[in-house]
Protein backbone atom coordinates (compact mmCIF):
# COMPACT_ATOMS: atom_id res chain seq x y z
CA MET A 1 -97.74 -78.21 -2.53
CA THR A 2 -100.17 -75.34 -1.86
CA ASP A 3 -103.94 -75.81 -1.78
CA GLU A 4 -104.19 -73.93 -5.09
CA SER A 5 -101.59 -76.11 -6.84
CA ALA A 6 -103.17 -79.25 -5.37
CA ASP A 7 -106.53 -78.18 -6.80
CA ARG A 8 -104.97 -77.61 -10.23
CA ALA A 9 -103.26 -81.00 -10.11
CA ALA A 10 -106.53 -82.73 -9.20
CA GLU A 11 -108.37 -80.88 -11.97
CA LYS A 12 -105.77 -81.94 -14.53
CA ALA A 13 -105.67 -85.56 -13.35
CA ALA A 14 -109.44 -85.79 -13.81
CA PHE A 15 -108.99 -85.61 -17.59
CA PHE A 16 -106.77 -88.71 -17.70
CA ARG A 17 -109.56 -91.25 -17.65
CA PRO A 18 -109.90 -94.18 -20.07
CA GLU A 19 -113.05 -92.72 -21.60
CA ASN A 20 -111.18 -89.51 -22.52
CA GLU A 21 -108.34 -91.23 -24.40
CA GLU A 22 -108.44 -90.38 -28.10
CA GLU A 23 -108.96 -93.52 -30.16
CA GLY A 24 -105.89 -94.47 -32.18
CA SER A 25 -103.73 -91.79 -30.56
CA ARG A 26 -101.16 -94.08 -28.94
CA GLU A 27 -97.65 -93.78 -30.32
CA GLU A 28 -94.69 -95.83 -29.13
CA SER A 29 -91.04 -94.79 -29.39
CA SER A 30 -87.94 -96.76 -28.45
CA SER A 31 -84.82 -95.28 -26.92
CA PRO A 32 -81.71 -95.27 -29.15
CA THR A 33 -80.29 -98.41 -27.50
CA GLY A 34 -83.66 -100.13 -27.31
CA LYS A 35 -83.51 -100.42 -23.50
CA TYR A 36 -86.63 -98.32 -22.97
CA ARG A 37 -89.89 -97.52 -24.70
CA LEU A 38 -92.20 -94.54 -24.35
CA VAL A 39 -95.93 -94.76 -25.03
CA VAL A 40 -97.67 -91.41 -25.59
CA SER A 41 -101.47 -91.08 -25.70
CA SER A 42 -103.76 -88.08 -26.22
CA TYR A 43 -106.70 -87.27 -23.97
CA SER A 44 -109.63 -85.01 -24.80
CA THR A 45 -110.28 -82.15 -22.40
CA GLY A 46 -113.54 -80.98 -23.97
CA HIS A 47 -114.86 -79.05 -26.94
CA GLY A 48 -112.80 -76.09 -28.10
CA THR A 49 -109.77 -76.87 -25.92
CA TRP A 50 -106.45 -78.51 -26.64
CA ASP A 51 -105.79 -82.15 -25.81
CA TYR A 52 -103.59 -83.30 -22.96
CA THR A 53 -101.02 -86.07 -23.38
CA GLN A 54 -99.74 -88.88 -21.19
CA GLY A 55 -96.33 -90.49 -21.50
CA GLU A 56 -95.64 -93.89 -19.95
CA VAL A 57 -92.02 -95.01 -20.01
CA TYR A 58 -91.08 -98.68 -19.60
CA ARG A 59 -88.05 -100.89 -19.66
CA THR A 60 -88.35 -102.83 -22.89
CA GLY A 61 -90.15 -106.05 -22.08
CA GLY A 62 -91.40 -104.73 -18.75
CA ALA A 63 -95.08 -104.56 -17.87
CA ASP A 64 -95.02 -101.82 -15.23
CA PRO A 65 -94.09 -98.24 -16.16
CA ILE A 66 -91.01 -96.64 -14.66
CA ALA A 67 -92.88 -93.34 -14.66
CA VAL A 68 -96.10 -91.80 -15.92
CA VAL A 69 -96.03 -88.15 -17.02
CA GLN A 70 -99.39 -86.43 -17.48
CA ARG A 71 -98.86 -83.31 -19.56
CA ASN A 72 -101.19 -80.33 -19.86
CA PHE A 73 -100.63 -79.87 -23.60
CA GLY A 74 -101.34 -81.74 -26.82
CA LEU A 75 -97.72 -82.23 -27.88
CA PHE A 76 -95.24 -84.34 -25.89
CA PRO A 77 -91.64 -83.41 -26.79
CA PHE A 78 -89.08 -85.75 -25.23
CA LEU A 79 -85.46 -86.82 -25.32
CA PHE A 80 -83.80 -90.05 -24.22
CA VAL A 81 -80.33 -89.57 -22.75
CA GLU A 82 -78.60 -92.93 -22.36
CA ALA A 83 -75.10 -93.60 -21.04
CA HIS A 84 -74.84 -90.18 -19.43
CA PRO A 85 -71.28 -89.51 -18.19
CA ASN A 86 -72.57 -90.18 -14.65
CA GLY A 87 -73.59 -93.71 -15.68
CA HIS A 88 -77.37 -93.20 -15.61
CA ASP A 89 -80.08 -93.06 -18.28
CA TYR A 90 -82.71 -90.32 -18.50
CA LEU A 91 -85.97 -89.29 -20.10
CA VAL A 92 -86.34 -85.53 -20.53
CA CYS A 93 -89.90 -84.25 -21.04
CA GLY A 94 -92.36 -81.97 -19.25
CA GLU A 95 -95.46 -82.53 -17.16
CA ASP A 96 -96.22 -78.84 -17.55
CA TYR A 97 -95.74 -77.21 -20.95
CA GLN A 98 -93.82 -74.39 -19.27
CA GLY A 99 -91.71 -76.73 -17.14
CA GLN A 100 -89.59 -79.85 -17.31
CA THR A 101 -89.66 -83.40 -15.98
CA VAL A 102 -86.57 -85.60 -15.86
CA VAL A 103 -86.82 -89.30 -15.02
CA GLU A 104 -83.69 -91.25 -14.09
CA LEU A 105 -84.69 -94.42 -15.88
CA ASP A 106 -82.40 -96.94 -14.21
CA THR A 107 -83.40 -95.86 -10.68
CA GLY A 108 -86.94 -94.54 -11.18
CA GLU A 109 -86.06 -91.25 -9.50
CA ARG A 110 -87.89 -88.24 -10.90
CA ARG A 111 -87.47 -84.48 -10.72
CA ASP A 112 -89.95 -81.82 -11.89
CA HIS A 113 -89.31 -78.12 -12.31
CA LEU A 114 -91.74 -75.27 -12.98
CA PRO A 115 -90.16 -71.81 -13.14
CA ASP A 116 -91.65 -68.82 -11.35
CA GLU A 117 -92.36 -67.21 -14.74
CA ALA A 118 -94.98 -69.88 -15.41
CA ARG A 119 -97.31 -68.19 -12.91
CA GLU A 120 -97.60 -65.29 -15.37
CA GLY A 121 -97.74 -67.53 -18.43
CA VAL A 122 -94.27 -66.48 -19.64
CA GLY A 123 -92.27 -69.63 -18.90
CA PHE A 124 -89.89 -70.86 -21.59
CA CYS A 125 -91.54 -73.80 -23.36
CA TRP A 126 -89.12 -76.53 -24.44
CA VAL A 127 -89.89 -77.84 -27.93
CA ASP A 128 -86.77 -79.70 -29.05
CA MET A 129 -83.84 -80.95 -26.98
CA ARG A 130 -80.37 -82.30 -27.72
CA PHE A 131 -77.74 -83.62 -25.31
CA GLU A 132 -74.05 -82.85 -25.74
CA PRO A 133 -72.27 -85.57 -23.70
CA SER A 134 -68.76 -84.09 -23.98
CA VAL A 135 -69.87 -81.08 -21.93
CA ALA A 136 -72.99 -82.57 -20.22
CA MET A 137 -75.16 -79.84 -21.70
CA LEU A 138 -78.71 -79.70 -23.03
CA VAL A 139 -79.25 -77.59 -26.12
CA VAL A 140 -82.91 -76.57 -26.15
CA GLU A 141 -85.04 -74.92 -28.80
CA GLY A 142 -88.25 -73.35 -27.58
CA CYS A 143 -90.15 -70.16 -26.98
CA ILE A 144 -92.10 -68.07 -24.56
CA TRP A 145 -95.73 -68.45 -25.64
CA ALA A 146 -96.39 -66.63 -28.97
CA CYS A 147 -92.80 -65.30 -29.14
CA PRO A 148 -90.05 -66.21 -31.65
CA TYR A 149 -88.22 -69.49 -31.23
CA GLU A 150 -84.81 -69.27 -29.57
CA LEU A 151 -81.99 -71.43 -28.26
CA ARG A 152 -81.11 -71.87 -24.61
CA PHE A 153 -78.50 -74.01 -22.91
CA PHE A 154 -78.67 -75.95 -19.64
CA ASP A 155 -76.12 -77.68 -17.41
CA PHE A 156 -77.14 -81.35 -17.32
CA ALA A 157 -74.18 -82.73 -15.37
CA ASP A 158 -76.25 -83.76 -12.33
CA PRO A 159 -79.89 -83.92 -13.43
CA MET A 160 -81.33 -85.11 -10.14
CA SER A 161 -79.97 -81.93 -8.55
CA GLY A 162 -81.44 -79.75 -11.31
CA TRP A 163 -80.43 -78.35 -14.71
CA PRO A 164 -79.56 -74.66 -14.28
CA GLU A 165 -79.60 -72.46 -17.35
CA ILE A 166 -76.27 -71.37 -18.81
CA GLU A 167 -77.25 -67.77 -19.43
CA ALA A 168 -76.42 -66.07 -22.71
CA PRO A 169 -75.79 -62.30 -22.96
CA MET A 170 -78.46 -61.99 -25.66
CA MET A 171 -81.36 -63.84 -27.20
CA ILE A 172 -80.06 -66.48 -29.63
CA ASP A 173 -82.50 -67.08 -32.46
CA ALA A 174 -83.25 -70.68 -33.38
CA ASP A 175 -82.02 -71.54 -36.86
CA ARG A 176 -82.27 -74.32 -39.43
CA ARG A 177 -78.56 -74.88 -38.79
CA PRO A 178 -78.06 -76.41 -35.33
CA PRO A 179 -75.37 -74.95 -33.08
CA LYS A 180 -72.02 -76.69 -32.80
CA VAL A 181 -70.63 -77.47 -29.35
CA ASP A 182 -67.09 -78.69 -28.75
CA ALA A 183 -65.56 -80.41 -25.74
CA GLY A 184 -63.76 -77.22 -24.74
CA GLY A 185 -67.02 -75.40 -24.12
CA THR A 186 -67.11 -73.34 -27.32
CA ILE A 187 -70.58 -72.94 -28.84
CA VAL A 188 -71.03 -71.72 -32.40
CA CYS A 189 -74.51 -70.51 -33.36
CA TYR A 190 -75.64 -69.67 -36.87
CA ARG A 191 -78.17 -67.35 -38.41
CA SER A 192 -79.19 -68.25 -41.93
CA ALA A 193 -80.18 -65.64 -44.49
CA PRO A 194 -83.95 -65.09 -44.42
CA ASP A 195 -86.12 -66.59 -47.11
CA GLY A 196 -86.23 -64.30 -50.11
CA ALA A 197 -82.92 -62.64 -49.26
CA THR A 198 -81.05 -64.64 -51.91
CA GLY A 199 -81.58 -65.45 -55.54
CA GLY A 200 -83.11 -68.80 -54.71
CA GLY A 201 -80.56 -70.90 -56.57
CA GLU A 202 -78.78 -72.14 -53.46
CA ALA A 203 -79.51 -75.63 -52.13
CA GLU A 204 -79.33 -74.18 -48.61
CA ALA A 205 -79.73 -70.62 -47.44
CA PRO A 206 -76.31 -68.99 -46.96
CA ILE A 207 -75.04 -68.10 -43.51
CA ALA A 208 -75.86 -64.52 -42.60
CA ALA A 209 -74.18 -64.39 -39.19
CA ILE A 210 -72.13 -66.51 -36.80
CA LEU A 211 -72.01 -66.05 -33.04
CA THR A 212 -69.22 -67.78 -31.11
CA PHE A 213 -69.58 -68.17 -27.35
CA ARG A 214 -67.32 -69.53 -24.64
CA ARG A 215 -68.80 -71.12 -21.57
CA ASP A 216 -67.73 -69.63 -18.27
CA GLY A 217 -69.49 -71.48 -15.46
CA LEU A 218 -73.19 -70.79 -15.82
CA LYS A 219 -72.69 -67.98 -18.31
CA LEU A 220 -71.95 -67.77 -22.02
CA VAL A 221 -69.44 -65.12 -23.04
CA LEU A 222 -69.63 -63.76 -26.59
CA GLU A 223 -66.18 -64.17 -28.12
CA SER A 224 -66.86 -63.10 -31.69
CA GLU A 225 -69.61 -62.18 -34.13
CA TRP A 226 -69.29 -62.41 -37.90
CA ILE A 227 -71.89 -60.79 -40.15
CA SER A 228 -71.95 -61.18 -43.92
CA GLU A 229 -71.93 -58.09 -46.12
CA GLU A 230 -75.40 -58.94 -47.38
CA GLU A 231 -76.72 -59.24 -43.83
CA GLN A 232 -75.09 -55.96 -42.83
CA ALA A 233 -76.80 -54.25 -45.77
CA ARG A 234 -80.14 -55.82 -44.87
CA ARG A 235 -79.89 -54.68 -41.26
CA THR A 236 -78.91 -51.17 -42.32
CA ALA A 237 -81.91 -50.98 -44.66
CA GLN A 238 -84.20 -52.18 -41.88
CA GLU A 239 -82.88 -49.58 -39.47
CA GLU A 240 -83.27 -46.79 -42.02
CA GLY A 241 -86.82 -47.94 -42.69
CA ARG A 242 -87.68 -47.65 -38.99
CA LYS A 243 -86.44 -44.05 -38.90
CA ARG A 244 -88.73 -42.92 -41.71
């Protein structure tokens, strides 16, 4: 740790004092099997600034936390991964809002990652995570600060060695329809028709486009793209509008 990063860590830790905890902010969540519980509390950082949050994860019935994660943002997204194919249990969260923290719950081992892009404030912020056990993959929805939400995919086969991104050949927009992942490594992503693009009588917005990818190591290869006639017409109209 450099002197600069040590100073930042000390400055952040100074906010996590009992007197700064927001009254009534504690929320407790249990893991799907009930083996673990996570207690998240909010801490004030001063007038006109966002809160920080602290997550304490415990074995259910235990008094001492397995890990304490002090996050520099007011929201604390997390995911429990239990019965991982490697036999371990995990908590996925992030001490830094542009980074990730993974705790191996049954051993107490912890790994933090902050990408180089975070130095410039353009790290990818994880907002929602899902684990696909058949392919040991994390499906993550998030964004670069103030940019559109997108989907990214990460190899989660050996979390304590890291979770490298499985790079896509293009930006994949997040959608109300979650992607489908099969055991063979095929990933199907959807793009729903935008609001107002239909008559409004449908219970769910129709599918405007489908992207099908095949995983090849740490890359996604685009195998096919289907675009509805309505979506093709909408894109053509948009392009013509830009040329005017």
